[in-house]
Amino acid sequence: MPLRTSDIPRKKHRFRAAAALAAATALFLGLMPAGVANAHGYISNPMSRQAQCAAGIVQCGGIRWEPQSVEGPKGLMRCDGGVGRFSELNDDGRGWRVTDVGRVQAFTWTITAAHSTSTWEYFIGGRRVAVFNDNGARPPWTFTHTVDLSGYSGRHKLLARWNIADTANAFYACVDINIRS
């Protein structure tokens, strides 16, 4: 069928729209951080800071869409795991919801990519209060550690660190808790 003159503007419009979409897609993909995996894990109960961001309880940046991605070098004592774009997780004055807990508390992890694990560590005030050795095992998609918080009372920020067995990285989560007597 021959091309009519009236079809030319319509075809040019479609071409421009397709070109604009391709350019926007290339720009979006080019701005994504290189080398970041798409998923990992975080504490979902009691709600960690990144879980609160994901739920919209506290207004945060990009962590809202990827609460499982707080990954950084092992050994840090930071809620953001050293990831600058998640720095709001370090801000203690941001209005984090505090959960009342007892002397023994269960912390439930939601895992979105199960990595071979060396240890899980829990800290209060820089002091390790619990460690669980997984000897390289892969965790299930949801699981719980029960942590003894004896010796502590009142409001604290608990830092949890999931140390990966086959990389130099760990995943980080902070939970704001009020330990009842």
Protein backbone atom coordinates (compact mmCIF):
# COMPACT_ATOMS: atom_id res chain seq x y z
CA MET A 1 0.00 0.00 0.00
CA PRO A 2 1.51 3.36 -0.98
CA LEU A 3 2.40 5.89 1.74
CA ARG A 4 -0.02 8.79 1.87
CA THR A 5 1.21 12.29 2.63
CA SER A 6 -1.19 12.47 5.59
CA ASP A 7 0.58 9.46 7.22
CA ILE A 8 4.01 11.15 7.38
CA PRO A 9 3.37 13.38 10.47
CA ARG A 10 1.88 10.41 12.37
CA LYS A 11 4.91 8.21 11.57
CA LYS A 12 7.31 11.00 12.58
CA HIS A 13 5.47 11.35 15.90
CA ARG A 14 5.72 7.60 16.58
CA PHE A 15 9.42 7.63 15.69
CA ARG A 16 10.10 10.59 18.01
CA ALA A 17 8.17 8.94 20.85
CA ALA A 18 10.09 5.68 20.41
CA ALA A 19 13.41 7.56 20.26
CA ALA A 20 12.55 9.52 23.43
CA LEU A 21 11.62 6.30 25.26
CA ALA A 22 14.87 4.63 24.18
CA ALA A 23 16.91 7.65 25.34
CA ALA A 24 15.12 7.79 28.71
CA THR A 25 15.65 4.06 29.25
CA ALA A 26 19.36 4.33 28.43
CA LEU A 27 19.71 7.30 30.80
CA PHE A 28 17.89 5.46 33.63
CA LEU A 29 19.98 2.33 33.23
CA GLY A 30 23.16 4.38 32.97
CA LEU A 31 22.44 6.12 36.28
CA MET A 32 21.87 2.90 38.19
CA PRO A 33 24.78 1.97 40.48
CA ALA A 34 27.14 -0.51 38.87
CA GLY A 35 27.77 -3.82 40.57
CA VAL A 36 24.89 -3.64 43.02
CA ALA A 37 22.94 -6.86 43.29
CA ASN A 38 19.19 -6.63 43.10
CA ALA A 39 18.26 -8.09 46.47
CA HIS A 40 19.49 -9.47 49.79
CA GLY A 41 17.86 -9.12 53.24
CA TYR A 42 16.83 -7.02 56.23
CA ILE A 43 15.12 -7.27 59.63
CA SER A 44 11.38 -7.03 59.15
CA ASN A 45 10.19 -7.66 62.73
CA PRO A 46 10.54 -5.65 64.85
CA MET A 47 10.68 -3.16 62.02
CA SER A 48 14.21 -2.06 61.18
CA ARG A 49 14.84 1.45 59.97
CA GLN A 50 14.85 0.34 56.35
CA ALA A 51 11.59 -1.59 56.88
CA GLN A 52 10.05 1.61 58.27
CA CYS A 53 11.25 3.47 55.17
CA ALA A 54 9.79 0.79 52.88
CA ALA A 55 6.45 0.99 54.70
CA GLY A 56 6.37 4.79 54.43
CA ILE A 57 6.38 5.23 58.23
CA VAL A 58 9.46 7.45 57.97
CA GLN A 59 10.21 9.43 54.82
CA CYS A 60 13.52 8.29 53.36
CA GLY A 61 15.32 8.30 50.05
CA GLY A 62 16.00 5.36 47.75
CA ILE A 63 16.08 2.84 50.59
CA ARG A 64 12.28 2.92 50.44
CA TRP A 65 12.35 0.80 47.28
CA GLU A 66 15.22 -1.47 48.26
CA PRO A 67 15.30 -2.10 52.02
CA GLN A 68 17.24 -5.31 51.42
CA SER A 69 20.22 -3.56 49.81
CA VAL A 70 22.17 -2.11 52.76
CA GLU A 71 25.42 -3.86 51.89
CA GLY A 72 28.92 -2.70 52.72
CA PRO A 73 32.31 -3.90 53.91
CA LYS A 74 32.36 -6.24 56.90
CA GLY A 75 33.15 -4.73 60.28
CA LEU A 76 31.30 -1.44 60.05
CA MET A 77 29.14 -0.14 62.89
CA ARG A 78 26.83 1.98 60.74
CA CYS A 79 23.14 1.60 59.94
CA ASP A 80 23.81 2.52 56.29
CA GLY A 81 26.59 -0.07 55.88
CA GLY A 82 28.79 2.70 54.51
CA VAL A 83 26.46 3.26 51.53
CA GLY A 84 26.23 7.04 51.16
CA ARG A 85 22.90 7.01 49.35
CA PHE A 86 21.34 5.35 52.43
CA SER A 87 22.88 7.79 54.94
CA GLU A 88 19.46 8.77 56.34
CA LEU A 89 19.51 5.42 58.17
CA ASN A 90 22.24 6.87 60.44
CA ASP A 91 20.12 9.88 61.45
CA ASP A 92 18.94 9.13 65.00
CA GLY A 93 16.70 12.22 64.99
CA ARG A 94 14.64 11.17 61.98
CA GLY A 95 11.58 10.02 63.95
CA TRP A 96 12.14 6.25 63.90
CA ARG A 97 9.37 4.22 65.50
CA VAL A 98 10.62 2.54 68.68
CA THR A 99 9.40 -0.99 69.50
CA ASP A 100 8.92 -2.14 73.08
CA VAL A 101 10.70 -5.46 73.61
CA GLY A 102 11.44 -7.79 76.50
CA ARG A 103 14.75 -9.06 77.86
CA VAL A 104 14.67 -11.84 75.26
CA GLN A 105 13.62 -10.75 71.79
CA ALA A 106 13.10 -12.45 68.44
CA PHE A 107 14.42 -10.65 65.35
CA THR A 108 12.91 -11.83 62.07
CA TRP A 109 14.83 -11.44 58.84
CA THR A 110 13.28 -11.28 55.37
CA ILE A 111 15.74 -12.64 52.82
CA THR A 112 15.40 -11.87 49.12
CA ALA A 113 18.70 -13.45 47.97
CA ALA A 114 20.15 -16.15 50.20
CA HIS A 115 23.91 -15.74 50.47
CA SER A 116 26.29 -18.25 52.01
CA THR A 117 26.64 -16.95 55.58
CA SER A 118 29.50 -16.95 58.03
CA THR A 119 27.90 -15.17 61.03
CA TRP A 120 25.03 -12.99 62.18
CA GLU A 121 25.99 -10.40 64.81
CA TYR A 122 23.87 -8.13 67.01
CA PHE A 123 25.26 -5.03 68.78
CA ILE A 124 24.04 -2.45 71.28
CA GLY A 125 26.21 0.61 71.84
CA GLY A 126 29.08 -0.98 69.93
CA ARG A 127 29.10 -4.07 72.16
CA ARG A 128 28.24 -7.42 70.60
CA VAL A 129 25.31 -8.97 72.46
CA ALA A 130 24.82 -12.05 70.25
CA VAL A 131 26.49 -13.99 67.46
CA PHE A 132 25.14 -16.91 65.43
CA ASN A 133 27.54 -18.98 63.32
CA ASP A 134 26.07 -20.44 60.13
CA ASN A 135 29.30 -22.07 58.87
CA GLY A 136 28.61 -21.12 55.24
CA ALA A 137 24.95 -22.22 55.14
CA ARG A 138 22.36 -20.33 53.10
CA PRO A 139 19.48 -18.92 55.17
CA PRO A 140 15.82 -19.60 54.42
CA TRP A 141 13.67 -16.76 53.02
CA THR A 142 12.35 -15.90 56.49
CA PHE A 143 13.86 -16.87 59.81
CA THR A 144 14.27 -15.63 63.37
CA HIS A 145 17.13 -15.25 65.83
CA THR A 146 16.29 -15.01 69.53
CA VAL A 147 18.63 -12.55 71.25
CA ASP A 148 19.16 -12.22 75.01
CA LEU A 149 19.15 -8.51 75.86
CA SER A 150 19.67 -9.01 79.62
CA GLY A 151 21.76 -6.28 81.15
CA TYR A 152 20.12 -3.59 79.05
CA SER A 153 17.04 -1.51 79.67
CA GLY A 154 15.47 1.54 78.10
CA ARG A 155 15.82 2.86 74.59
CA HIS A 156 18.62 1.57 72.36
CA LYS A 157 19.58 1.26 68.73
CA LEU A 158 20.40 -2.37 67.92
CA LEU A 159 22.70 -2.93 64.95
CA ALA A 160 22.50 -6.29 63.18
CA ARG A 161 25.22 -7.43 60.80
CA TRP A 162 24.85 -10.38 58.39
CA ASN A 163 28.38 -11.42 57.38
CA ILE A 164 28.54 -13.13 54.00
CA ALA A 165 30.85 -16.15 53.82
CA ASP A 166 32.17 -15.80 50.27
CA THR A 167 32.62 -12.02 49.92
CA ALA A 168 34.18 -9.18 51.93
CA ASN A 169 30.72 -7.68 52.49
CA ALA A 170 27.97 -7.75 55.08
CA PHE A 171 24.37 -6.55 55.23
CA TYR A 172 23.31 -4.09 57.91
CA ALA A 173 20.07 -3.30 59.73
CA CYS A 174 19.31 -1.06 62.71
CA VAL A 175 16.28 -1.50 64.95
CA ASP A 176 15.16 1.09 67.50
CA ILE A 177 14.01 -0.73 70.63
CA ASN A 178 12.88 0.06 74.16
CA ILE A 179 13.90 -2.82 76.43
CA ARG A 180 11.39 -3.23 79.25
CA SER A 181 12.44 -4.47 82.67
